[in-house]
């Protein structure tokens, strides 16, 4: 049976963490807890409930994916399962989870698709909005591979960096109940934090898109020139005239000086090397 690592990221969760670990720790082969800056006894709580847990420090850097990927870096199992400190799985769910772990395909087996990412219903249990939050699928279980990683500063998702991997979401009916903030003020604080992280990510994506847009404009401007140069080279090889050679020099100048074309005198005295 393939081995499974439980990975968790926590901070100041000494109260909630023990029950979360009791839900899953006895079902897995490896427990990795990444602490992003606790000031309480979170580490001691984890060690008390799960003596075999390996606990690592990782400074919080406004990026949930970075913290989760740090946990992946330490995981030893062939598969990764994750929950947060305020998540719970009931006994019926534990039985299903144990059975799922026992049926997981081996590392070199395609199993349920080329590389299944098992999703499970996420059920929010928060006193002030009980029954209002929708049940949504969360990616919970996936292969431990270097080309499968978390992406996104917040509301992170599991993605493959390998386009040939064939990672696919596979729904499994094992509900995970999330016990959110009982205090509405804490929830507002969480939303304020999320907004700040979304703005950071938006700025990063905008910069990336600006770079892509620039390179696209540059390609649109130069591609027709290079295509024409190929035609000229072919024609010159077949015995083209001086007019073609002159056009060739003009095009090469445009590639080297994209801001504007020079006069005839400049063309006659300038040698351009492009390559």
C-alpha atoms as a PDB file:
ATOM      1  CA  UNK A   1       0.000   0.000   0.000  1.00  0.00           C
ATOM      2  CA  UNK A   2       1.451   3.426  -0.937  1.00  0.00           C
ATOM      3  CA  UNK A   3       2.519   5.652   1.932  1.00  0.00           C
ATOM      4  CA  UNK A   4       0.635   8.863   2.748  1.00  0.00           C
ATOM      5  CA  UNK A   5       1.921  12.052   4.362  1.00  0.00           C
ATOM      6  CA  UNK A   6      -0.353  14.408   6.246  1.00  0.00           C
ATOM      7  CA  UNK A   7       0.830  17.981   5.719  1.00  0.00           C
ATOM      8  CA  UNK A   8      -0.398  20.940   7.768  1.00  0.00           C
ATOM      9  CA  UNK A   9       0.488  24.591   8.097  1.00  0.00           C
ATOM     10  CA  UNK A  10      -0.367  26.188  11.439  1.00  0.00           C
ATOM     11  CA  UNK A  11       0.089  29.260  13.559  1.00  0.00           C
ATOM     12  CA  UNK A  12      -1.190  29.775  17.107  1.00  0.00           C
ATOM     13  CA  UNK A  13      -3.397  26.677  16.939  1.00  0.00           C
ATOM     14  CA  UNK A  14      -2.605  24.980  20.260  1.00  0.00           C
ATOM     15  CA  UNK A  15      -6.349  24.647  21.009  1.00  0.00           C
ATOM     16  CA  UNK A  16      -7.636  23.437  17.648  1.00  0.00           C
ATOM     17  CA  UNK A  17      -4.678  21.415  16.375  1.00  0.00           C
ATOM     18  CA  UNK A  18      -4.941  18.341  18.667  1.00  0.00           C
ATOM     19  CA  UNK A  19      -8.428  17.370  17.466  1.00  0.00           C
ATOM     20  CA  UNK A  20      -7.418  17.886  13.837  1.00  0.00           C
ATOM     21  CA  UNK A  21      -4.464  15.544  14.269  1.00  0.00           C
ATOM     22  CA  UNK A  22      -6.636  12.947  16.010  1.00  0.00           C
ATOM     23  CA  UNK A  23      -8.846  12.855  12.916  1.00  0.00           C
ATOM     24  CA  UNK A  24      -6.104  11.734  10.574  1.00  0.00           C
ATOM     25  CA  UNK A  25      -2.717  11.067  12.164  1.00  0.00           C
ATOM     26  CA  UNK A  26      -3.370   7.371  12.826  1.00  0.00           C
ATOM     27  CA  UNK A  27      -4.385   6.840   9.187  1.00  0.00           C
ATOM     28  CA  UNK A  28      -1.169   8.103   7.605  1.00  0.00           C
ATOM     29  CA  UNK A  29       2.477   7.095   7.568  1.00  0.00           C
ATOM     30  CA  UNK A  30       4.025  10.520   7.994  1.00  0.00           C
ATOM     31  CA  UNK A  31       2.931  13.779   9.655  1.00  0.00           C
ATOM     32  CA  UNK A  32       4.507  17.097   8.678  1.00  0.00           C
ATOM     33  CA  UNK A  33       3.530  20.257  10.542  1.00  0.00           C
ATOM     34  CA  UNK A  34       4.893  23.594   9.334  1.00  0.00           C
ATOM     35  CA  UNK A  35       4.628  26.390  11.881  1.00  0.00           C
ATOM     36  CA  UNK A  36       4.532  29.851  10.337  1.00  0.00           C
ATOM     37  CA  UNK A  37       5.212  31.817  13.518  1.00  0.00           C
ATOM     38  CA  UNK A  38       3.248  30.601  16.541  1.00  0.00           C
ATOM     39  CA  UNK A  39       3.602  32.443  19.822  1.00  0.00           C
ATOM     40  CA  UNK A  40       1.600  29.884  21.811  1.00  0.00           C
ATOM     41  CA  UNK A  41       2.278  26.180  22.483  1.00  0.00           C
ATOM     42  CA  UNK A  42       1.287  24.915  19.060  1.00  0.00           C
ATOM     43  CA  UNK A  43       4.455  22.894  18.623  1.00  0.00           C
ATOM     44  CA  UNK A  44       4.080  21.247  22.033  1.00  0.00           C
ATOM     45  CA  UNK A  45       0.423  20.448  21.302  1.00  0.00           C
ATOM     46  CA  UNK A  46       1.359  18.729  18.049  1.00  0.00           C
ATOM     47  CA  UNK A  47       4.111  16.688  19.684  1.00  0.00           C
ATOM     48  CA  UNK A  48       1.846  15.653  22.564  1.00  0.00           C
ATOM     49  CA  UNK A  49      -0.902  14.268  20.318  1.00  0.00           C
ATOM     50  CA  UNK A  50       1.386  12.894  17.622  1.00  0.00           C
ATOM     51  CA  UNK A  51       4.867  12.129  18.970  1.00  0.00           C
ATOM     52  CA  UNK A  52       6.040  11.072  15.519  1.00  0.00           C
ATOM     53  CA  UNK A  53       5.102  14.366  13.896  1.00  0.00           C
ATOM     54  CA  UNK A  54       7.950  16.260  12.298  1.00  0.00           C
ATOM     55  CA  UNK A  55       7.592  19.968  12.986  1.00  0.00           C
ATOM     56  CA  UNK A  56       9.337  22.671  10.977  1.00  0.00           C
ATOM     57  CA  UNK A  57       9.505  26.446  11.217  1.00  0.00           C
ATOM     58  CA  UNK A  58       8.771  28.586   8.178  1.00  0.00           C
ATOM     59  CA  UNK A  59       8.538  32.375   8.482  1.00  0.00           C
ATOM     60  CA  UNK A  60       5.217  33.689   7.234  1.00  0.00           C
ATOM     61  CA  UNK A  61       5.705  35.524   3.925  1.00  0.00           C
ATOM     62  CA  UNK A  62       2.138  36.471   2.944  1.00  0.00           C
ATOM     63  CA  UNK A  63       1.860  33.365   0.778  1.00  0.00           C
ATOM     64  CA  UNK A  64      -0.126  30.272   1.746  1.00  0.00           C
ATOM     65  CA  UNK A  65       1.262  28.307  -1.190  1.00  0.00           C
ATOM     66  CA  UNK A  66       4.825  28.974  -0.094  1.00  0.00           C
ATOM     67  CA  UNK A  67       4.054  27.542   3.341  1.00  0.00           C
ATOM     68  CA  UNK A  68       2.202  24.528   1.941  1.00  0.00           C
ATOM     69  CA  UNK A  69       4.989  23.839  -0.539  1.00  0.00           C
ATOM     70  CA  UNK A  70       7.459  23.940   2.338  1.00  0.00           C
ATOM     71  CA  UNK A  71       5.434  21.148   3.946  1.00  0.00           C
ATOM     72  CA  UNK A  72       5.569  19.198   0.669  1.00  0.00           C
ATOM     73  CA  UNK A  73       9.333  19.609   0.646  1.00  0.00           C
ATOM     74  CA  UNK A  74       9.586  17.652   3.903  1.00  0.00           C
ATOM     75  CA  UNK A  75       6.924  15.022   3.144  1.00  0.00           C
ATOM     76  CA  UNK A  76       8.156  11.444   2.757  1.00  0.00           C
ATOM     77  CA  UNK A  77       4.954   9.741   1.626  1.00  0.00           C
ATOM     78  CA  UNK A  78       4.077   8.822  -1.937  1.00  0.00           C
ATOM     79  CA  UNK A  79       0.794  10.695  -1.516  1.00  0.00           C
ATOM     80  CA  UNK A  80      -0.085  13.974   0.169  1.00  0.00           C
ATOM     81  CA  UNK A  81      -3.203  14.574   2.254  1.00  0.00           C
ATOM     82  CA  UNK A  82      -3.801  17.883   3.971  1.00  0.00           C
ATOM     83  CA  UNK A  83      -6.157  19.515   6.423  1.00  0.00           C
ATOM     84  CA  UNK A  84      -6.035  22.696   8.466  1.00  0.00           C
ATOM     85  CA  UNK A  85      -6.162  22.894  12.245  1.00  0.00           C
ATOM     86  CA  UNK A  86      -9.837  23.884  12.195  1.00  0.00           C
ATOM     87  CA  UNK A  87     -10.900  21.030   9.889  1.00  0.00           C
ATOM     88  CA  UNK A  88     -12.566  17.847  11.143  1.00  0.00           C
ATOM     89  CA  UNK A  89     -13.491  14.457   9.680  1.00  0.00           C
ATOM     90  CA  UNK A  90     -16.160  12.373  11.412  1.00  0.00           C
ATOM     91  CA  UNK A  91     -15.945   8.625  12.036  1.00  0.00           C
ATOM     92  CA  UNK A  92     -17.809   7.726   8.859  1.00  0.00           C
ATOM     93  CA  UNK A  93     -15.420   9.920   6.918  1.00  0.00           C
ATOM     94  CA  UNK A  94     -12.423   8.387   8.662  1.00  0.00           C
ATOM     95  CA  UNK A  95     -13.572   4.907   7.608  1.00  0.00           C
ATOM     96  CA  UNK A  96     -13.909   6.057   3.995  1.00  0.00           C
ATOM     97  CA  UNK A  97     -10.547   7.775   4.155  1.00  0.00           C
ATOM     98  CA  UNK A  98      -8.850   4.659   5.505  1.00  0.00           C
ATOM     99  CA  UNK A  99     -10.365   2.656   2.646  1.00  0.00           C
ATOM    100  CA  UNK A 100      -9.285   5.270   0.084  1.00  0.00           C
ATOM    101  CA  UNK A 101      -5.716   5.262   1.358  1.00  0.00           C
ATOM    102  CA  UNK A 102      -5.668   1.465   1.088  1.00  0.00           C
ATOM    103  CA  UNK A 103      -6.820   1.633  -2.542  1.00  0.00           C
ATOM    104  CA  UNK A 104      -4.462   4.349  -3.741  1.00  0.00           C
ATOM    105  CA  UNK A 105      -2.518   3.441  -6.867  1.00  0.00           C
ATOM    106  CA  UNK A 106       1.197   2.886  -6.456  1.00  0.00           C
ATOM    107  CA  UNK A 107       3.648   5.534  -7.588  1.00  0.00           C
ATOM    108  CA  UNK A 108       4.089   3.976 -11.036  1.00  0.00           C
ATOM    109  CA  UNK A 109       0.415   3.070 -11.560  1.00  0.00           C
ATOM    110  CA  UNK A 110      -2.043   5.309 -13.452  1.00  0.00           C
ATOM    111  CA  UNK A 111      -4.902   4.392 -11.132  1.00  0.00           C
ATOM    112  CA  UNK A 112      -7.915   6.751 -11.412  1.00  0.00           C
ATOM    113  CA  UNK A 113      -6.584   8.702 -14.343  1.00  0.00           C
ATOM    114  CA  UNK A 114      -2.964   9.545 -15.139  1.00  0.00           C
ATOM    115  CA  UNK A 115      -2.464  11.511 -11.926  1.00  0.00           C
ATOM    116  CA  UNK A 116      -5.621  11.905  -9.862  1.00  0.00           C
ATOM    117  CA  UNK A 117      -6.099  14.818  -7.500  1.00  0.00           C
ATOM    118  CA  UNK A 118      -8.874  13.712  -5.163  1.00  0.00           C
ATOM    119  CA  UNK A 119     -11.347  16.413  -4.182  1.00  0.00           C
ATOM    120  CA  UNK A 120     -13.569  16.258  -1.111  1.00  0.00           C
ATOM    121  CA  UNK A 121     -16.591  18.323  -0.036  1.00  0.00           C
ATOM    122  CA  UNK A 122     -15.675  21.298   2.141  1.00  0.00           C
ATOM    123  CA  UNK A 123     -18.463  21.974   4.615  1.00  0.00           C
ATOM    124  CA  UNK A 124     -18.287  25.267   6.520  1.00  0.00           C
ATOM    125  CA  UNK A 125     -19.606  25.183  10.094  1.00  0.00           C
ATOM    126  CA  UNK A 126     -19.698  28.738  11.400  1.00  0.00           C
ATOM    127  CA  UNK A 127     -22.298  29.779  14.012  1.00  0.00           C
ATOM    128  CA  UNK A 128     -23.208  33.157  12.526  1.00  0.00           C
ATOM    129  CA  UNK A 129     -23.743  31.806   8.973  1.00  0.00           C
ATOM    130  CA  UNK A 130     -24.811  28.219   9.617  1.00  0.00           C
ATOM    131  CA  UNK A 131     -26.224  26.624   6.482  1.00  0.00           C
ATOM    132  CA  UNK A 132     -25.508  29.645   4.274  1.00  0.00           C
ATOM    133  CA  UNK A 133     -22.047  28.747   2.991  1.00  0.00           C
ATOM    134  CA  UNK A 134     -22.060  26.497  -0.102  1.00  0.00           C
ATOM    135  CA  UNK A 135     -20.433  23.069  -0.044  1.00  0.00           C
ATOM    136  CA  UNK A 136     -17.492  23.218  -2.432  1.00  0.00           C
ATOM    137  CA  UNK A 137     -14.928  20.630  -3.556  1.00  0.00           C
ATOM    138  CA  UNK A 138     -11.407  21.081  -2.183  1.00  0.00           C
ATOM    139  CA  UNK A 139      -8.333  19.336  -3.557  1.00  0.00           C
ATOM    140  CA  UNK A 140      -7.217  17.152  -0.632  1.00  0.00           C
ATOM    141  CA  UNK A 141      -5.167  14.196  -1.823  1.00  0.00           C
ATOM    142  CA  UNK A 142      -2.557  14.031  -4.565  1.00  0.00           C
ATOM    143  CA  UNK A 143       0.718  12.377  -5.495  1.00  0.00           C
ATOM    144  CA  UNK A 144       3.914  13.614  -3.898  1.00  0.00           C
ATOM    145  CA  UNK A 145       5.767  14.727  -7.010  1.00  0.00           C
ATOM    146  CA  UNK A 146       8.131  17.663  -7.568  1.00  0.00           C
ATOM    147  CA  UNK A 147       6.001  18.801 -10.506  1.00  0.00           C
ATOM    148  CA  UNK A 148       2.813  19.067  -8.433  1.00  0.00           C
ATOM    149  CA  UNK A 149       2.769  22.134  -6.221  1.00  0.00           C
ATOM    150  CA  UNK A 150       0.513  24.700  -4.602  1.00  0.00           C
ATOM    151  CA  UNK A 151      -0.066  27.935  -6.515  1.00  0.00           C
ATOM    152  CA  UNK A 152      -1.502  31.257  -5.322  1.00  0.00           C
ATOM    153  CA  UNK A 153      -0.916  33.483  -2.307  1.00  0.00           C
ATOM    154  CA  UNK A 154      -4.437  32.821  -0.995  1.00  0.00           C
ATOM    155  CA  UNK A 155      -7.239  30.486  -2.087  1.00  0.00           C
ATOM    156  CA  UNK A 156      -4.368  28.400  -3.329  1.00  0.00           C
ATOM    157  CA  UNK A 157      -4.823  25.435  -5.631  1.00  0.00           C
ATOM    158  CA  UNK A 158      -2.845  22.319  -6.520  1.00  0.00           C
ATOM    159  CA  UNK A 159      -1.414  22.512 -10.024  1.00  0.00           C
ATOM    160  CA  UNK A 160       0.998  20.544 -12.141  1.00  0.00           C
ATOM    161  CA  UNK A 161       3.959  22.241 -13.798  1.00  0.00           C
ATOM    162  CA  UNK A 162       4.186  19.332 -16.215  1.00  0.00           C
ATOM    163  CA  UNK A 163       1.705  19.647 -19.121  1.00  0.00           C
ATOM    164  CA  UNK A 164       2.165  15.953 -19.916  1.00  0.00           C
ATOM    165  CA  UNK A 165       1.305  14.774 -16.419  1.00  0.00           C
ATOM    166  CA  UNK A 166      -2.433  14.599 -17.012  1.00  0.00           C
ATOM    167  CA  UNK A 167      -3.445  15.652 -13.492  1.00  0.00           C
ATOM    168  CA  UNK A 168      -7.229  15.457 -13.124  1.00  0.00           C
ATOM    169  CA  UNK A 169      -9.623  16.200 -10.274  1.00  0.00           C
ATOM    170  CA  UNK A 170     -11.462  13.126  -9.003  1.00  0.00           C
ATOM    171  CA  UNK A 171     -14.378  13.743  -6.581  1.00  0.00           C
ATOM    172  CA  UNK A 172     -14.604  11.558  -3.467  1.00  0.00           C
ATOM    173  CA  UNK A 173     -17.503  11.774  -1.013  1.00  0.00           C
ATOM    174  CA  UNK A 174     -15.557  12.305   2.217  1.00  0.00           C
ATOM    175  CA  UNK A 175     -16.794  15.572   3.750  1.00  0.00           C
ATOM    176  CA  UNK A 176     -14.300  17.708   5.643  1.00  0.00           C
ATOM    177  CA  UNK A 177     -15.991  20.090   8.056  1.00  0.00           C
ATOM    178  CA  UNK A 178     -14.358  23.454   8.562  1.00  0.00           C
ATOM    179  CA  UNK A 179     -15.046  25.178  11.877  1.00  0.00           C
ATOM    180  CA  UNK A 180     -14.611  28.824  10.997  1.00  0.00           C
ATOM    181  CA  UNK A 181     -14.307  31.861  13.208  1.00  0.00           C
ATOM    182  CA  UNK A 182     -17.099  32.030  15.786  1.00  0.00           C
ATOM    183  CA  UNK A 183     -16.377  35.739  16.210  1.00  0.00           C
ATOM    184  CA  UNK A 184     -17.542  37.768  13.221  1.00  0.00           C
ATOM    185  CA  UNK A 185     -14.815  40.328  13.927  1.00  0.00           C
ATOM    186  CA  UNK A 186     -12.155  37.651  13.451  1.00  0.00           C
ATOM    187  CA  UNK A 187     -13.714  36.732  10.141  1.00  0.00           C
ATOM    188  CA  UNK A 188     -13.594  40.364   9.016  1.00  0.00           C
ATOM    189  CA  UNK A 189      -9.917  40.422   9.967  1.00  0.00           C
ATOM    190  CA  UNK A 190      -9.396  37.312   7.826  1.00  0.00           C
ATOM    191  CA  UNK A 191     -11.118  38.969   4.860  1.00  0.00           C
ATOM    192  CA  UNK A 192      -8.945  42.060   5.290  1.00  0.00           C
ATOM    193  CA  UNK A 193      -5.860  39.854   5.229  1.00  0.00           C
ATOM    194  CA  UNK A 194      -7.134  38.008   2.153  1.00  0.00           C
ATOM    195  CA  UNK A 195      -7.788  41.277   0.365  1.00  0.00           C
ATOM    196  CA  UNK A 196      -4.230  42.395   1.034  1.00  0.00           C
ATOM    197  CA  UNK A 197      -2.884  39.117  -0.364  1.00  0.00           C
ATOM    198  CA  UNK A 198      -5.137  39.361  -3.419  1.00  0.00           C
ATOM    199  CA  UNK A 199      -3.764  42.845  -4.095  1.00  0.00           C
ATOM    200  CA  UNK A 200      -0.208  41.554  -3.822  1.00  0.00           C
ATOM    201  CA  UNK A 201      -0.964  38.743  -6.235  1.00  0.00           C
ATOM    202  CA  UNK A 202      -2.787  41.071  -8.594  1.00  0.00           C
ATOM    203  CA  UNK A 203       0.263  43.360  -8.709  1.00  0.00           C
ATOM    204  CA  UNK A 204       2.528  40.389  -9.464  1.00  0.00           C
ATOM    205  CA  UNK A 205       0.223  39.132 -12.219  1.00  0.00           C
ATOM    206  CA  UNK A 206      -0.135  42.642 -13.663  1.00  0.00           C
ATOM    207  CA  UNK A 207       3.637  42.998 -13.879  1.00  0.00           C
ATOM    208  CA  UNK A 208       3.857  39.606 -15.530  1.00  0.00           C
ATOM    209  CA  UNK A 209       1.093  40.491 -17.999  1.00  0.00           C
ATOM    210  CA  UNK A 210       2.789  43.786 -18.815  1.00  0.00           C
ATOM    211  CA  UNK A 211       5.953  41.878 -19.644  1.00  0.00           C
ATOM    212  CA  UNK A 212       4.034  39.422 -21.804  1.00  0.00           C
ATOM    213  CA  UNK A 213       2.221  42.264 -23.585  1.00  0.00           C
ATOM    214  CA  UNK A 214       5.526  44.014 -24.301  1.00  0.00           C
ATOM    215  CA  UNK A 215       7.090  40.874 -25.737  1.00  0.00           C
ATOM    216  CA  UNK A 216       3.975  40.230 -27.806  1.00  0.00           C
ATOM    217  CA  UNK A 217       4.079  43.740 -29.284  1.00  0.00           C
ATOM    218  CA  UNK A 218       7.781  43.310 -29.969  1.00  0.00           C
ATOM    219  CA  UNK A 219       7.153  39.997 -31.738  1.00  0.00           C
ATOM    220  CA  UNK A 220       4.283  41.441 -33.771  1.00  0.00           C
ATOM    221  CA  UNK A 221       6.578  44.241 -34.931  1.00  0.00           C
ATOM    222  CA  UNK A 222       9.612  42.121 -35.806  1.00  0.00           C
ATOM    223  CA  UNK A 223       8.095  38.875 -37.108  1.00  0.00           C
ATOM    224  CA  UNK A 224       6.965  40.356 -40.468  1.00  0.00           C
ATOM    225  CA  UNK A 225      10.437  41.873 -40.914  1.00  0.00           C
ATOM    226  CA  UNK A 226      12.164  38.546 -40.360  1.00  0.00           C
ATOM    227  CA  UNK A 227       9.689  36.800 -42.672  1.00  0.00           C
ATOM    228  CA  UNK A 228      10.467  39.360 -45.371  1.00  0.00           C
ATOM    229  CA  UNK A 229      14.212  38.928 -44.803  1.00  0.00           C
ATOM    230  CA  UNK A 230      13.823  35.193 -45.462  1.00  0.00           C
ATOM    231  CA  UNK A 231      12.119  35.993 -48.759  1.00  0.00           C
ATOM    232  CA  UNK A 232      14.840  38.470 -49.720  1.00  0.00           C
ATOM    233  CA  UNK A 233      17.588  35.993 -48.851  1.00  0.00           C
ATOM    234  CA  UNK A 234      15.968  33.412 -51.107  1.00  0.00           C
ATOM    235  CA  UNK A 235      15.602  35.911 -53.948  1.00  0.00           C
ATOM    236  CA  UNK A 236      19.176  37.176 -53.594  1.00  0.00           C
ATOM    237  CA  UNK A 237      20.410  33.607 -53.715  1.00  0.00           C
ATOM    238  CA  UNK A 238      18.611  33.227 -57.008  1.00  0.00           C
ATOM    239  CA  UNK A 239      20.347  36.309 -58.425  1.00  0.00           C
ATOM    240  CA  UNK A 240      18.371  39.241 -56.995  1.00  0.00           C
ATOM    241  CA  UNK A 241      19.113  42.856 -57.857  1.00  0.00           C
ATOM    242  CA  UNK A 242      20.559  45.816 -55.954  1.00  0.00           C
ATOM    243  CA  UNK A 243      17.088  47.018 -54.938  1.00  0.00           C
ATOM    244  CA  UNK A 244      16.567  43.848 -52.895  1.00  0.00           C
ATOM    245  CA  UNK A 245      19.952  44.282 -51.232  1.00  0.00           C
ATOM    246  CA  UNK A 246      19.009  47.854 -50.329  1.00  0.00           C
ATOM    247  CA  UNK A 247      15.685  46.716 -48.838  1.00  0.00           C
ATOM    248  CA  UNK A 248      17.540  44.075 -46.879  1.00  0.00           C
ATOM    249  CA  UNK A 249      19.824  46.723 -45.352  1.00  0.00           C
ATOM    250  CA  UNK A 250      16.830  48.887 -44.480  1.00  0.00           C
ATOM    251  CA  UNK A 251      15.081  46.022 -42.721  1.00  0.00           C
ATOM    252  CA  UNK A 252      18.183  45.094 -40.759  1.00  0.00           C
ATOM    253  CA  UNK A 253      18.502  48.718 -39.672  1.00  0.00           C
ATOM    254  CA  UNK A 254      14.889  48.731 -38.476  1.00  0.00           C
ATOM    255  CA  UNK A 255      15.567  45.661 -36.367  1.00  0.00           C
ATOM    256  CA  UNK A 256      18.600  47.308 -34.772  1.00  0.00           C
ATOM    257  CA  UNK A 257      16.938  50.747 -34.423  1.00  0.00           C
ATOM    258  CA  UNK A 258      13.217  50.160 -33.763  1.00  0.00           C
ATOM    259  CA  UNK A 259      12.530  53.835 -32.954  1.00  0.00           C
ATOM    260  CA  UNK A 260      12.811  54.960 -36.589  1.00  0.00           C
ATOM    261  CA  UNK A 261      14.431  54.427 -39.969  1.00  0.00           C
ATOM    262  CA  UNK A 262      17.582  56.377 -40.933  1.00  0.00           C
ATOM    263  CA  UNK A 263      18.380  58.362 -43.997  1.00  0.00           C
ATOM    264  CA  UNK A 264      20.219  57.054 -47.037  1.00  0.00           C
ATOM    265  CA  UNK A 265      23.593  58.379 -45.891  1.00  0.00           C
ATOM    266  CA  UNK A 266      23.385  56.468 -42.621  1.00  0.00           C
ATOM    267  CA  UNK A 267      22.422  53.302 -44.442  1.00  0.00           C
ATOM    268  CA  UNK A 268      25.382  53.527 -46.729  1.00  0.00           C
ATOM    269  CA  UNK A 269      27.921  53.679 -43.909  1.00  0.00           C
ATOM    270  CA  UNK A 270      26.435  51.364 -41.295  1.00  0.00           C
ATOM    271  CA  UNK A 271      27.001  47.658 -40.864  1.00  0.00           C
ATOM    272  CA  UNK A 272      24.393  45.814 -38.815  1.00  0.00           C
ATOM    273  CA  UNK A 273      24.929  42.348 -37.350  1.00  0.00           C
ATOM    274  CA  UNK A 274      21.769  40.531 -36.312  1.00  0.00           C
ATOM    275  CA  UNK A 275      21.787  37.055 -34.887  1.00  0.00           C
END
